[in-house]
Amino acid sequence: MAIGGTARVRRVRRSMVITKLPYTTKIYINYQVLIPASLVKALGIENAQYADIVIEYFGQEIALKRVKLLRTKNTASRQFTIPKEVREKYGIKPLDEVTVKSIVPVP
């Protein structure tokens, strides 16, 4: 390190290694749910744009039809947003836990 210079600290995040359903996760502040890259690869849905997803919230099974799978540039992970009408009907809030029970790609 040079004198008077600043050192860069690089943070390494450990990836979630989840390869099968069901799995439990938290809802983000923006009402999105993460599907980890390891699960996306295990299910073979890397190229899917939409999916039918079943989640469980406090013992209630909720079917989400034709949900758009959002992707980032550099990873295989996906996210989906829980629709507003579903959030309002079941009282889903950010940071609540949901269990993703099934993900079926829609052509």
Protein backbone atom coordinates (compact mmCIF):
# COMPACT_ATOMS: atom_id res chain seq x y z
CA MET A 1 0.00 0.00 0.00
CA ALA A 2 1.32 3.41 -0.87
CA ILE A 3 1.89 6.01 1.79
CA GLY A 4 -1.27 8.04 2.34
CA GLY A 5 -3.25 5.72 0.07
CA THR A 6 -6.41 3.93 0.96
CA ALA A 7 -6.81 0.20 0.98
CA ARG A 8 -9.75 -1.37 -0.75
CA VAL A 9 -11.58 -3.98 1.23
CA ARG A 10 -13.33 -6.54 -0.90
CA ARG A 11 -16.30 -8.30 0.60
CA VAL A 12 -17.02 -11.80 -0.49
CA ARG A 13 -20.59 -12.99 -0.04
CA ARG A 14 -21.20 -16.63 0.42
CA SER A 15 -23.81 -17.90 -1.99
CA MET A 16 -26.83 -19.80 -0.77
CA VAL A 17 -26.48 -23.41 -1.88
CA ILE A 18 -30.06 -24.55 -2.28
CA THR A 19 -30.69 -27.22 -4.88
CA LYS A 20 -34.22 -28.46 -4.15
CA LEU A 21 -37.66 -27.27 -3.19
CA PRO A 22 -39.19 -26.33 -0.81
CA TYR A 23 -36.98 -23.65 0.68
CA THR A 24 -37.68 -20.84 3.14
CA THR A 25 -36.57 -17.27 2.52
CA LYS A 26 -37.39 -13.70 3.52
CA ILE A 27 -39.31 -11.18 1.46
CA TYR A 28 -37.22 -8.14 0.55
CA ILE A 29 -38.30 -4.57 1.31
CA ASN A 30 -39.52 -4.17 -2.29
CA TYR A 31 -41.70 -7.33 -1.96
CA GLN A 32 -39.35 -9.42 -4.04
CA VAL A 33 -38.29 -12.99 -3.31
CA LEU A 34 -34.88 -14.36 -4.30
CA ILE A 35 -34.42 -17.63 -6.17
CA PRO A 36 -30.75 -18.53 -5.61
CA ALA A 37 -28.52 -19.32 -8.60
CA SER A 38 -27.91 -22.88 -7.40
CA LEU A 39 -31.67 -23.57 -7.40
CA VAL A 40 -32.18 -21.88 -10.79
CA LYS A 41 -29.50 -24.14 -12.27
CA ALA A 42 -30.83 -27.26 -10.51
CA LEU A 43 -34.36 -26.63 -11.85
CA GLY A 44 -33.06 -25.73 -15.33
CA ILE A 45 -34.95 -22.42 -15.51
CA GLU A 46 -32.05 -20.18 -16.56
CA ASN A 47 -33.83 -19.10 -19.74
CA ALA A 48 -37.39 -18.90 -18.37
CA GLN A 49 -38.98 -15.46 -18.33
CA TYR A 50 -42.22 -16.38 -16.53
CA ALA A 51 -43.17 -19.06 -14.03
CA ASP A 52 -46.09 -20.36 -11.99
CA ILE A 53 -44.95 -20.31 -8.36
CA VAL A 54 -46.57 -21.74 -5.24
CA ILE A 55 -45.55 -20.19 -1.91
CA GLU A 56 -46.64 -20.91 1.64
CA TYR A 57 -47.27 -18.02 4.02
CA PHE A 58 -48.26 -18.80 7.62
CA GLY A 59 -49.70 -22.17 6.58
CA GLN A 60 -51.65 -20.82 3.59
CA GLU A 61 -50.65 -22.01 0.12
CA ILE A 62 -50.72 -19.19 -2.41
CA ALA A 63 -50.50 -19.86 -6.15
CA LEU A 64 -48.91 -17.09 -8.21
CA LYS A 65 -49.68 -17.44 -11.92
CA ARG A 66 -47.34 -16.22 -14.66
CA VAL A 67 -44.93 -14.28 -12.47
CA LYS A 68 -42.09 -12.50 -14.27
CA LEU A 69 -38.67 -13.79 -13.26
CA LEU A 70 -36.33 -10.82 -12.93
CA ARG A 71 -32.64 -11.35 -13.58
CA THR A 72 -29.45 -9.47 -12.98
CA LYS A 73 -26.65 -9.07 -15.46
CA ASN A 74 -23.94 -11.28 -14.03
CA THR A 75 -25.64 -14.05 -12.05
CA ALA A 76 -27.98 -16.96 -12.65
CA SER A 77 -30.18 -16.03 -9.67
CA ARG A 78 -33.69 -14.73 -10.24
CA GLN A 79 -36.19 -12.67 -8.26
CA PHE A 80 -39.94 -12.36 -8.49
CA THR A 81 -42.28 -9.74 -7.10
CA ILE A 82 -45.33 -10.79 -5.11
CA PRO A 83 -48.32 -9.06 -6.79
CA LYS A 84 -50.00 -6.22 -4.89
CA GLU A 85 -53.43 -7.88 -4.79
CA VAL A 86 -51.89 -11.00 -3.22
CA ARG A 87 -49.95 -8.92 -0.67
CA GLU A 88 -53.08 -7.05 0.34
CA LYS A 89 -55.30 -10.14 0.49
CA TYR A 90 -52.93 -12.15 2.73
CA GLY A 91 -51.30 -9.26 4.63
CA ILE A 92 -47.80 -10.06 3.37
CA LYS A 93 -45.17 -7.61 4.63
CA PRO A 94 -41.46 -7.09 3.93
CA LEU A 95 -39.06 -9.24 5.96
CA ASP A 96 -41.74 -11.92 6.51
CA GLU A 97 -40.70 -15.48 5.75
CA VAL A 98 -42.25 -17.51 2.95
CA THR A 99 -41.65 -21.05 1.78
CA VAL A 100 -41.31 -21.51 -1.96
CA LYS A 101 -42.93 -24.88 -2.70
CA SER A 102 -42.85 -25.11 -6.49
CA ILE A 103 -41.57 -23.22 -9.52
CA VAL A 104 -42.85 -24.27 -12.95
CA PRO A 105 -41.61 -22.33 -16.00
CA VAL A 106 -44.31 -20.99 -18.31
CA PRO A 107 -43.54 -20.95 -22.06
